[in-house]
N, C-alpha and C. Protein backbone atom coordinates (compact mmCIF):
# COMPACT_ATOMS: atom_id res chain seq x y z
N MET A 1 -19.73 21.73 -7.55
CA MET A 1 -18.86 21.07 -6.61
C MET A 1 -17.57 20.66 -7.33
N ALA A 2 -16.45 21.00 -6.75
CA ALA A 2 -15.16 20.69 -7.37
C ALA A 2 -14.76 19.24 -7.13
N LYS A 3 -14.37 18.55 -8.19
CA LYS A 3 -14.00 17.15 -8.06
C LYS A 3 -12.56 16.98 -7.58
N GLY A 4 -11.68 17.93 -7.82
CA GLY A 4 -10.27 17.82 -7.45
C GLY A 4 -10.00 18.01 -5.97
N LYS A 5 -10.96 18.50 -5.20
CA LYS A 5 -10.75 18.81 -3.79
C LYS A 5 -11.41 17.81 -2.86
N ASP A 6 -11.72 16.61 -3.34
CA ASP A 6 -12.37 15.61 -2.50
C ASP A 6 -11.47 15.19 -1.35
N ALA A 7 -12.07 14.88 -0.22
CA ALA A 7 -11.31 14.48 0.96
C ALA A 7 -10.82 13.04 0.85
N ARG A 8 -11.63 12.17 0.24
CA ARG A 8 -11.24 10.75 0.14
C ARG A 8 -10.51 10.49 -1.17
N VAL A 9 -9.34 9.85 -1.04
CA VAL A 9 -8.54 9.51 -2.21
C VAL A 9 -8.21 8.02 -2.19
N THR A 10 -8.04 7.43 -3.37
CA THR A 10 -7.68 6.02 -3.49
C THR A 10 -6.16 5.90 -3.41
N VAL A 11 -5.69 4.98 -2.57
CA VAL A 11 -4.25 4.76 -2.42
C VAL A 11 -3.94 3.28 -2.64
N ILE A 12 -2.69 3.00 -3.03
CA ILE A 12 -2.23 1.63 -3.24
C ILE A 12 -1.19 1.33 -2.17
N LEU A 13 -1.39 0.22 -1.45
CA LEU A 13 -0.46 -0.22 -0.42
C LEU A 13 0.37 -1.37 -0.96
N GLU A 14 1.70 -1.31 -0.75
CA GLU A 14 2.61 -2.33 -1.26
C GLU A 14 3.43 -2.90 -0.12
N CYS A 15 3.69 -4.20 -0.15
CA CYS A 15 4.46 -4.87 0.90
C CYS A 15 5.88 -4.32 0.93
N THR A 16 6.31 -3.83 2.09
CA THR A 16 7.65 -3.26 2.20
C THR A 16 8.72 -4.34 2.25
N SER A 17 8.38 -5.51 2.75
CA SER A 17 9.35 -6.60 2.84
C SER A 17 9.70 -7.13 1.45
N CYS A 18 8.71 -7.31 0.60
CA CYS A 18 8.96 -7.80 -0.77
C CYS A 18 9.79 -6.80 -1.56
N VAL A 19 9.52 -5.52 -1.39
CA VAL A 19 10.25 -4.48 -2.11
C VAL A 19 11.69 -4.42 -1.63
N ARG A 20 11.90 -4.54 -0.33
CA ARG A 20 13.24 -4.45 0.24
C ARG A 20 14.11 -5.63 -0.21
N ASN A 21 13.53 -6.83 -0.23
CA ASN A 21 14.28 -8.02 -0.62
C ASN A 21 14.40 -8.17 -2.12
N GLY A 22 13.59 -7.45 -2.87
CA GLY A 22 13.59 -7.60 -4.32
C GLY A 22 12.76 -8.81 -4.71
N VAL A 23 12.31 -8.81 -5.91
CA VAL A 23 11.48 -9.92 -6.38
C VAL A 23 12.41 -11.07 -6.75
N LYS A 24 12.26 -12.18 -6.06
CA LYS A 24 13.08 -13.36 -6.35
C LYS A 24 12.52 -14.09 -7.56
N LYS A 25 13.34 -14.93 -8.19
CA LYS A 25 12.88 -15.67 -9.36
C LYS A 25 11.81 -16.69 -8.98
N VAL A 26 11.85 -17.16 -7.71
CA VAL A 26 10.85 -18.12 -7.24
C VAL A 26 9.53 -17.40 -6.96
N SER A 27 9.61 -16.14 -6.51
CA SER A 27 8.42 -15.37 -6.15
C SER A 27 7.63 -15.00 -7.39
N ARG A 28 6.31 -14.89 -7.25
CA ARG A 28 5.43 -14.56 -8.36
C ARG A 28 5.18 -13.06 -8.49
N GLY A 29 5.54 -12.27 -7.48
CA GLY A 29 5.27 -10.85 -7.57
C GLY A 29 5.35 -10.16 -6.23
N ILE A 30 4.74 -8.99 -6.14
CA ILE A 30 4.72 -8.17 -4.94
C ILE A 30 3.27 -7.96 -4.54
N SER A 31 2.99 -8.10 -3.24
CA SER A 31 1.63 -7.96 -2.73
C SER A 31 1.21 -6.49 -2.74
N ARG A 32 0.03 -6.22 -3.30
CA ARG A 32 -0.51 -4.85 -3.30
C ARG A 32 -1.99 -4.89 -2.93
N TYR A 33 -2.41 -3.87 -2.17
CA TYR A 33 -3.81 -3.70 -1.78
C TYR A 33 -4.26 -2.31 -2.22
N ILE A 34 -5.53 -2.17 -2.56
CA ILE A 34 -6.12 -0.87 -2.90
C ILE A 34 -7.11 -0.51 -1.81
N THR A 35 -7.00 0.72 -1.29
CA THR A 35 -7.90 1.18 -0.23
C THR A 35 -8.10 2.68 -0.40
N GLN A 36 -8.86 3.28 0.51
CA GLN A 36 -9.10 4.72 0.49
C GLN A 36 -8.69 5.32 1.82
N LYS A 37 -8.31 6.60 1.78
CA LYS A 37 -8.00 7.31 3.01
C LYS A 37 -8.55 8.72 2.91
N ASN A 38 -8.78 9.32 4.07
CA ASN A 38 -9.23 10.70 4.14
C ASN A 38 -8.00 11.59 4.16
N ARG A 39 -7.87 12.42 3.15
CA ARG A 39 -6.69 13.27 2.99
C ARG A 39 -6.56 14.29 4.13
N HIS A 40 -7.67 14.75 4.69
CA HIS A 40 -7.62 15.76 5.75
C HIS A 40 -7.24 15.15 7.10
N ASN A 41 -7.72 13.93 7.40
CA ASN A 41 -7.42 13.30 8.68
C ASN A 41 -6.05 12.64 8.71
N THR A 42 -5.59 12.11 7.60
CA THR A 42 -4.27 11.47 7.52
C THR A 42 -3.48 12.05 6.35
N PRO A 43 -2.82 13.18 6.57
CA PRO A 43 -2.06 13.80 5.48
C PRO A 43 -0.76 13.07 5.16
N ASN A 44 -0.20 12.34 6.15
CA ASN A 44 1.05 11.61 5.89
C ASN A 44 0.75 10.25 5.26
N ARG A 45 1.81 9.52 4.93
CA ARG A 45 1.64 8.22 4.25
C ARG A 45 1.03 7.18 5.18
N LEU A 46 0.18 6.35 4.60
CA LEU A 46 -0.55 5.32 5.34
C LEU A 46 0.27 4.03 5.38
N GLU A 47 0.34 3.39 6.56
CA GLU A 47 0.99 2.10 6.71
C GLU A 47 0.08 1.18 7.52
N LEU A 48 -0.22 0.00 6.96
CA LEU A 48 -1.10 -0.96 7.62
C LEU A 48 -0.46 -2.34 7.59
N ARG A 49 -0.78 -3.15 8.62
CA ARG A 49 -0.32 -4.54 8.63
C ARG A 49 -1.36 -5.39 7.90
N LYS A 50 -0.96 -5.93 6.75
CA LYS A 50 -1.83 -6.76 5.93
C LYS A 50 -1.12 -8.08 5.64
N PHE A 51 -1.88 -9.08 5.22
CA PHE A 51 -1.29 -10.37 4.89
C PHE A 51 -0.66 -10.33 3.51
N CYS A 52 0.59 -10.78 3.43
CA CYS A 52 1.31 -10.87 2.16
C CYS A 52 1.34 -12.33 1.74
N PRO A 53 0.71 -12.69 0.62
CA PRO A 53 0.69 -14.08 0.19
C PRO A 53 2.05 -14.58 -0.29
N TYR A 54 2.97 -13.68 -0.61
CA TYR A 54 4.29 -14.08 -1.09
C TYR A 54 5.26 -14.31 0.07
N CYS A 55 5.08 -13.58 1.17
CA CYS A 55 5.91 -13.77 2.37
C CYS A 55 5.28 -14.78 3.31
N TYR A 56 4.00 -15.10 3.12
CA TYR A 56 3.22 -16.00 3.99
C TYR A 56 3.20 -15.50 5.43
N ASN A 57 3.03 -14.20 5.60
CA ASN A 57 3.06 -13.59 6.93
C ASN A 57 2.36 -12.23 6.86
N HIS A 58 1.96 -11.71 8.02
CA HIS A 58 1.45 -10.35 8.08
C HIS A 58 2.64 -9.39 8.10
N MET A 59 2.69 -8.50 7.11
CA MET A 59 3.79 -7.55 6.97
C MET A 59 3.22 -6.14 6.88
N ILE A 60 4.10 -5.16 7.02
CA ILE A 60 3.69 -3.76 6.89
C ILE A 60 3.60 -3.41 5.41
N HIS A 61 2.46 -2.89 5.00
CA HIS A 61 2.23 -2.43 3.64
C HIS A 61 2.18 -0.90 3.68
N GLY A 62 3.02 -0.25 2.89
CA GLY A 62 3.11 1.20 2.86
C GLY A 62 2.49 1.77 1.60
N GLU A 63 2.11 3.02 1.69
CA GLU A 63 1.47 3.71 0.57
C GLU A 63 2.49 4.01 -0.52
N LEU A 64 2.11 3.79 -1.77
CA LEU A 64 2.97 4.07 -2.91
C LEU A 64 2.91 5.54 -3.26
N LYS A 65 4.00 6.07 -3.78
CA LYS A 65 4.05 7.44 -4.23
C LYS A 65 3.42 7.53 -5.62
N LYS A 66 2.55 8.50 -5.82
CA LYS A 66 1.89 8.66 -7.13
C LYS A 66 2.74 9.43 -8.08
């Protein structure tokens, strides 16, 4: 069985609002989540609404480019 052709891959989601505004000196960092997606069912980039502890709000988290 080939390991490189697996359907499920691990992806990292990053807050788009924190990245757009830049990391402020008051802020401690950028919110990131680790999840998995099925490469065959969702070939495009994944975007989910997750809670960002730095923005104190639910924001859109987009998939990072590897």
